[in-house]
Protein backbone atom coordinates (compact mmCIF):
# COMPACT_ATOMS: atom_id res chain seq x y z
CA MET A 1 13.65 34.00 31.81
CA ALA A 2 12.88 37.05 29.68
CA SER A 3 13.03 40.61 30.88
CA SER A 4 9.64 42.15 31.52
CA LEU A 5 7.88 44.51 29.15
CA GLN A 6 9.58 47.83 28.51
CA GLY A 7 12.65 46.75 30.46
CA SER A 8 11.01 46.72 33.90
CA SER A 9 12.74 44.67 36.55
CA SER A 10 11.22 41.30 37.47
CA SER A 11 10.10 42.63 40.84
CA SER A 12 7.94 45.28 39.20
CA SER A 13 6.99 43.45 36.03
CA VAL A 14 3.59 42.19 37.14
CA GLY A 15 1.95 45.58 36.68
CA ALA A 16 3.56 46.43 33.36
CA PRO A 17 1.94 43.71 31.21
CA ASN A 18 -1.47 44.52 32.69
CA GLU A 19 -1.03 48.13 31.60
CA ARG A 20 0.02 46.99 28.15
CA LEU A 21 -2.94 44.62 28.02
CA GLU A 22 -5.27 47.57 28.59
CA ASP A 23 -3.44 49.55 25.91
CA SER A 24 -3.80 46.65 23.48
CA SER A 25 -7.58 46.65 23.86
CA SER A 26 -7.67 49.78 21.69
CA GLY A 27 -6.84 47.57 18.73
CA LEU A 28 -3.45 49.17 18.08
CA VAL A 29 -1.01 46.61 16.72
CA GLY A 30 2.75 47.05 16.59
CA GLN A 31 4.58 45.98 13.45
CA ASN A 32 6.63 43.47 15.49
CA ASP A 33 3.92 42.18 17.83
CA LEU A 34 4.03 38.40 18.31
CA LEU A 35 1.45 35.81 19.32
CA ILE A 36 2.80 32.55 20.74
CA VAL A 37 0.26 29.73 20.76
CA GLY A 38 1.48 27.24 23.36
CA PRO A 39 4.08 29.28 25.30
CA GLY A 40 5.81 26.36 27.00
CA VAL A 41 9.59 25.92 27.18
CA LEU A 42 10.16 26.59 23.48
CA GLY A 43 7.60 29.40 23.30
CA ARG A 44 9.09 31.21 26.28
CA ILE A 45 12.58 31.08 24.81
CA VAL A 46 11.13 32.46 21.56
CA ALA A 47 9.58 35.28 23.60
CA GLU A 48 12.88 36.06 25.30
CA GLN A 49 14.85 36.11 22.05
CA TRP A 50 12.16 38.02 20.14
CA ARG A 51 12.03 40.79 22.75
CA LYS A 52 15.80 41.22 22.61
CA GLU A 53 15.51 41.85 18.88
CA HIS A 54 12.28 43.89 19.09
CA PRO A 55 12.26 45.88 22.36
CA GLY A 56 8.95 47.54 23.06
CA CYS A 57 6.88 45.04 21.08
CA GLN A 58 3.87 43.29 22.59
CA ILE A 59 4.09 39.51 23.00
CA TYR A 60 0.95 37.49 23.60
CA GLY A 61 0.71 33.92 24.85
CA GLN A 62 -2.34 31.77 24.13
CA THR A 63 -2.87 28.75 26.39
CA MET A 64 -5.35 25.94 26.99
CA THR A 65 -5.71 26.76 30.71
CA THR A 66 -4.92 29.62 33.08
CA ASP A 67 -2.49 27.46 35.09
CA HIS A 68 0.64 29.35 33.99
CA HIS A 69 -0.75 32.81 33.31
CA ASP A 70 0.97 34.35 36.34
CA GLU A 71 4.31 32.98 35.11
CA LEU A 72 3.74 34.44 31.65
CA ILE A 73 2.86 37.86 33.07
CA LYS A 74 6.09 37.87 35.08
CA ILE A 75 8.16 37.37 31.92
CA GLY A 76 6.27 40.06 30.02
CA VAL A 77 3.93 37.86 27.98
CA ILE A 78 0.27 38.90 27.85
CA PRO A 79 -1.75 35.69 28.42
CA SER A 80 -5.09 34.66 26.99
CA LEU A 81 -7.13 31.47 26.75
CA ARG A 82 -7.59 29.52 23.53
CA GLY A 83 -10.81 30.61 21.87
CA THR A 84 -10.85 34.06 23.48
CA GLU A 85 -12.05 36.56 20.93
CA SER A 86 -9.22 38.84 19.86
CA THR A 87 -9.74 42.52 19.16
CA HIS A 88 -6.86 42.54 16.69
CA ASN A 89 -4.56 40.19 14.80
CA CYS A 90 -0.79 39.98 15.13
CA PRO A 91 1.65 40.27 12.22
CA TYR A 92 3.74 37.42 13.67
CA VAL A 93 2.30 34.16 15.01
CA ILE A 94 4.15 31.03 16.08
CA PHE A 95 2.30 27.83 17.01
CA CYS A 96 4.29 25.73 19.53
CA ALA A 97 1.49 23.73 21.18
CA PRO A 98 1.77 19.92 21.08
CA PRO A 99 -1.01 17.71 19.66
CA SER A 100 -1.37 15.70 22.87
CA ARG A 101 -3.79 18.05 24.62
CA THR A 102 -6.43 18.56 21.94
CA PRO A 103 -8.88 16.37 19.98
CA ASP A 104 -8.65 18.64 16.91
CA TYR A 105 -5.07 19.70 16.28
CA PRO A 106 -5.62 20.96 12.71
CA GLY A 107 -8.63 22.91 14.00
CA ASP A 108 -6.46 24.54 16.65
CA VAL A 109 -3.94 25.50 13.97
CA ARG A 110 -6.70 27.08 11.86
CA LEU A 111 -7.94 28.96 14.92
CA ALA A 112 -4.41 30.29 15.52
CA ALA A 113 -4.17 31.33 11.87
CA SER A 114 -7.35 33.38 12.33
CA ASN A 115 -5.33 35.54 14.76
CA TRP A 116 -2.71 36.28 12.09
CA SER A 117 -2.98 39.57 10.21
CA GLY A 118 -1.43 38.09 7.05
CA GLU A 119 1.59 40.34 7.36
CA GLY A 120 4.91 39.23 8.84
CA SER A 121 4.85 35.44 9.24
CA PHE A 122 2.89 32.51 10.61
CA LEU A 123 5.06 29.57 11.67
CA PHE A 124 4.01 26.13 12.88
CA THR A 125 6.55 24.02 14.76
CA SER A 126 6.04 20.43 13.72
CA SER A 127 8.09 17.25 14.14
CA SER A 128 10.46 15.38 11.86
CA ALA A 129 8.27 12.29 12.35
CA PRO A 130 6.45 12.70 8.98
CA TYR A 131 9.60 11.92 6.98
CA ASP A 132 9.18 8.39 5.64
CA CYS A 133 12.45 6.86 6.75
CA ASN A 134 12.98 4.24 9.47
CA ASP A 135 16.09 2.38 8.37
CA ASN A 136 18.68 4.86 9.75
CA GLY A 137 18.93 6.30 6.23
CA THR A 138 19.59 9.89 5.24
CA CYS A 139 16.77 12.43 5.10
CA ASP A 140 16.53 16.14 4.25
CA GLU A 141 13.90 18.83 3.66
CA ASP A 142 12.79 17.28 0.37
CA SER A 143 12.50 13.64 1.47
CA PRO A 144 9.10 11.95 1.04
CA VAL A 145 6.64 11.85 3.93
CA VAL A 146 4.62 9.00 5.41
CA PRO A 147 1.45 8.38 3.35
CA ILE A 148 -1.80 9.46 4.99
CA GLY A 149 -3.50 6.49 6.64
CA ARG A 150 -0.39 4.61 7.74
CA SER A 151 0.14 6.25 11.12
CA PRO A 152 -2.35 8.19 13.29
CA ARG A 153 0.52 10.24 14.73
CA THR A 154 1.84 11.42 11.38
CA ASP A 155 -1.71 11.86 10.03
CA VAL A 156 -2.37 14.47 12.72
CA LEU A 157 0.88 16.32 12.03
CA LEU A 158 0.46 16.29 8.25
CA SER A 159 -3.15 17.50 8.54
CA ALA A 160 -2.01 20.37 10.76
CA GLU A 161 0.83 21.21 8.37
CA LYS A 162 -1.64 21.24 5.47
CA ALA A 163 -3.82 23.73 7.34
CA VAL A 164 -0.78 25.97 7.85
CA LEU A 165 0.36 25.85 4.23
CA GLU A 166 -3.16 26.56 2.98
CA VAL A 167 -3.15 29.96 4.70
CA GLY A 168 0.37 30.82 3.56
CA GLY A 169 2.13 29.89 6.77
CA CYS A 170 5.42 28.02 7.06
CA VAL A 171 6.30 24.76 8.80
CA LEU A 172 9.42 24.02 10.84
CA ARG A 173 9.91 20.29 11.39
CA LEU A 174 12.05 19.92 14.50
CA ALA A 175 14.28 17.08 15.64
CA GLY A 176 14.32 15.94 19.28
CA LEU A 177 14.56 18.88 21.69
CA TYR A 178 16.76 19.03 24.78
CA ILE A 179 17.89 21.66 27.29
CA SER A 180 19.40 22.22 30.73
CA LEU A 181 17.17 24.24 33.03
CA PRO A 182 17.77 25.52 36.56
CA LEU A 183 15.34 22.95 37.95
CA ALA A 184 15.53 20.11 35.44
CA ASP A 185 17.09 18.82 32.26
CA ARG A 186 14.81 17.91 29.37
CA GLY A 187 15.33 15.45 26.55
CA ALA A 188 15.30 11.76 25.70
CA HIS A 189 18.63 11.32 27.50
CA VAL A 190 17.05 12.41 30.80
CA TYR A 191 14.24 9.86 30.50
CA TRP A 192 16.71 7.05 29.72
CA LEU A 193 19.06 8.14 32.49
CA ASN A 194 16.28 8.00 35.05
CA LYS A 195 15.26 4.53 33.84
CA GLY A 196 18.84 3.21 33.97
CA THR A 197 18.02 0.22 31.77
CA VAL A 198 15.80 0.59 28.72
CA GLU A 199 14.39 -2.13 26.50
CA ALA A 200 15.13 -0.51 23.13
CA ASN A 201 17.45 -0.96 20.19
CA PRO A 202 20.72 0.90 20.94
CA ASP A 203 21.42 1.34 17.22
CA HIS A 204 18.31 3.44 16.59
CA ILE A 205 19.47 6.84 15.23
CA LEU A 206 18.08 10.03 16.75
CA ASN A 207 18.41 13.66 15.74
CA LEU A 208 18.67 16.49 18.21
CA ILE A 209 18.42 20.26 18.48
CA HIS A 210 18.79 22.43 21.57
CA TYR A 211 15.71 24.41 22.59
CA GLU A 212 17.64 27.68 22.19
CA ASP A 213 18.65 26.72 18.66
CA ALA A 214 15.09 25.70 17.77
CA ALA A 215 13.94 29.12 18.99
CA SER A 216 16.62 31.05 17.10
CA LEU A 217 15.86 29.14 13.90
CA ALA A 218 12.13 29.76 14.31
CA ILE A 219 12.76 33.49 14.75
CA ALA A 220 15.09 33.59 11.75
CA ILE A 221 12.34 32.01 9.62
CA LEU A 222 9.69 34.38 10.99
CA LYS A 223 11.84 37.37 10.06
CA LYS A 224 12.15 36.16 6.45
CA LYS A 225 8.38 36.64 5.96
CA LEU A 226 8.16 33.63 3.66
CA ARG A 227 4.99 31.90 2.54
CA GLY A 228 4.02 28.23 2.22
CA ARG A 229 7.42 26.70 2.94
CA ILE A 230 8.65 23.69 4.94
CA PHE A 231 11.94 23.85 6.84
CA LEU A 232 13.91 21.39 8.98
CA GLY A 233 15.55 22.01 12.35
CA CYS A 234 18.36 19.73 13.58
CA ASP A 235 22.03 19.94 14.55
CA ASN A 236 23.28 17.75 11.65
CA HIS A 237 24.94 15.37 14.11
CA PRO A 238 22.67 12.31 14.28
CA LEU A 239 23.54 9.86 17.03
CA SER A 240 22.47 6.38 18.01
CA ARG A 241 20.78 5.89 21.35
CA GLN A 242 23.93 4.15 22.52
CA GLU A 243 26.16 7.04 21.44
CA ILE A 244 23.93 9.58 23.19
CA MET A 245 24.07 7.76 26.51
CA GLU A 246 27.81 7.10 26.25
CA LEU A 247 28.27 10.86 25.90
CA VAL A 248 26.02 11.44 28.91
CA ASN A 249 28.05 9.01 31.03
CA ARG A 250 31.35 10.51 29.85
CA SER A 251 30.30 14.07 30.55
CA GLY A 252 30.26 13.73 34.33
CA LYS A 253 27.41 16.26 34.46
CA PHE A 254 24.82 13.86 35.87
CA ASP A 255 24.57 12.15 39.26
CA LYS A 256 23.29 8.92 37.73
CA LYS A 257 24.90 6.52 35.26
CA PHE A 258 23.04 4.92 32.40
CA LEU A 259 23.39 1.15 32.40
CA ALA A 260 22.23 -0.33 29.10
CA PHE A 261 19.75 -0.68 26.27
CA THR A 262 18.55 -4.25 26.31
CA GLY A 263 16.83 -4.32 22.91
CA MET A 264 18.22 -6.66 20.28
CA LEU A 265 20.68 -5.41 17.71
CA LEU A 266 18.49 -6.17 14.72
CA THR A 267 17.92 -4.34 11.48
CA HIS A 268 14.52 -2.91 10.62
CA ARG A 269 14.01 -5.64 8.04
CA GLU A 270 14.60 -8.34 10.64
CA HIS A 271 12.59 -6.64 13.37
CA PRO A 272 10.15 -4.24 11.68
CA SER A 273 7.30 -3.90 14.14
CA ASN A 274 8.60 -3.56 17.69
CA ASP A 275 11.43 -1.05 17.37
CA PRO A 276 12.11 0.34 13.89
CA LEU A 277 15.28 2.25 13.27
CA GLY A 278 15.47 6.01 12.83
CA LYS A 279 16.72 8.50 10.26
CA ARG A 280 19.76 10.73 9.72
CA LEU A 281 18.51 14.28 9.24
CA ASN A 282 20.41 16.99 7.40
CA ASN A 283 19.11 20.57 7.18
CA SER A 284 21.88 22.17 5.13
CA LYS A 285 19.30 23.60 2.70
CA THR A 286 17.43 25.32 5.52
CA ARG A 287 20.66 26.72 6.95
CA LEU A 288 21.77 28.10 3.59
CA GLU A 289 18.45 29.76 2.77
CA ILE A 290 17.73 31.16 6.23
CA GLY A 291 21.34 32.07 7.03
CA TRP A 292 21.29 30.23 10.36
CA GLU A 293 23.75 28.17 12.38
CA PRO A 294 23.16 26.57 15.80
CA LYS A 295 24.70 27.79 19.02
CA TYR A 296 25.18 24.14 19.98
CA PRO A 297 26.54 22.36 16.85
CA SER A 298 26.22 18.94 18.49
CA PHE A 299 25.01 17.21 21.64
CA ALA A 300 28.62 16.38 22.50
CA GLN A 301 29.64 20.03 22.40
CA PHE A 302 26.64 20.96 24.51
CA LEU A 303 27.97 18.53 27.14
CA GLY A 304 31.46 20.06 26.89
CA LEU A 305 32.91 17.10 24.97
CA GLN A 306 34.54 16.78 21.59
CA ASP A 307 32.58 15.07 18.81
């Protein structure tokens, strides 16, 4: 995905990061060095984009296991395991790891923050789930969040965000991510397409952002070197589940056809527990302050369709 360190070709890239890893043991830190905690799909795109803007920098990737270390080395990312003692701290740190693989998510965030030099930026990629809206209403950066104690899922996210803000880091709350990859597409639409028929309310509103746009927004925020701020990442084109899958079927880009959502068309007030409605996110404030616009302004345009 990304070119290897110092512009080496992919066929010769395996040796280059190892050499750089030895160099890094001296404790020398570049002013644009970046640590990515959780270098999955989003983290690897961040690495690719960051290197284009900062050639010659060192990019580190911290993981829970060694399963993908060879892949990281091939794309010029120096891998390490979570908890490995670092000989130096990076000026830029981005935390992209999900909460699903750890019993102490806020603790993992604090551990990542301990690898930040305090210069540059520390950014935590969160979710838009904490915003307290489930009636398909409008929501922006300043909307209230779910009170602690109501939802275990949002409790974990808000606790992690609190840990970030306490050390001067910033939070980027992201909408639903999607992408087309050489081997697979990712996103809610892919899951529904594979199911064919889904028992869910078709009127539920979702918000989307392409992985590449999430990465470019994250990098734009990192470069601002801000402290203790919360930002929102979305494409400003909220869609219902039904609208998303109609676009998928119209696009002609998929072998399968989605059949139907079989959930009842009920409002949240009538049907509050089983399938609450969503929210309509707008991140105009983030865009204005950061000076950012998405490459894919809407899911429809990503599919080659008009909105």
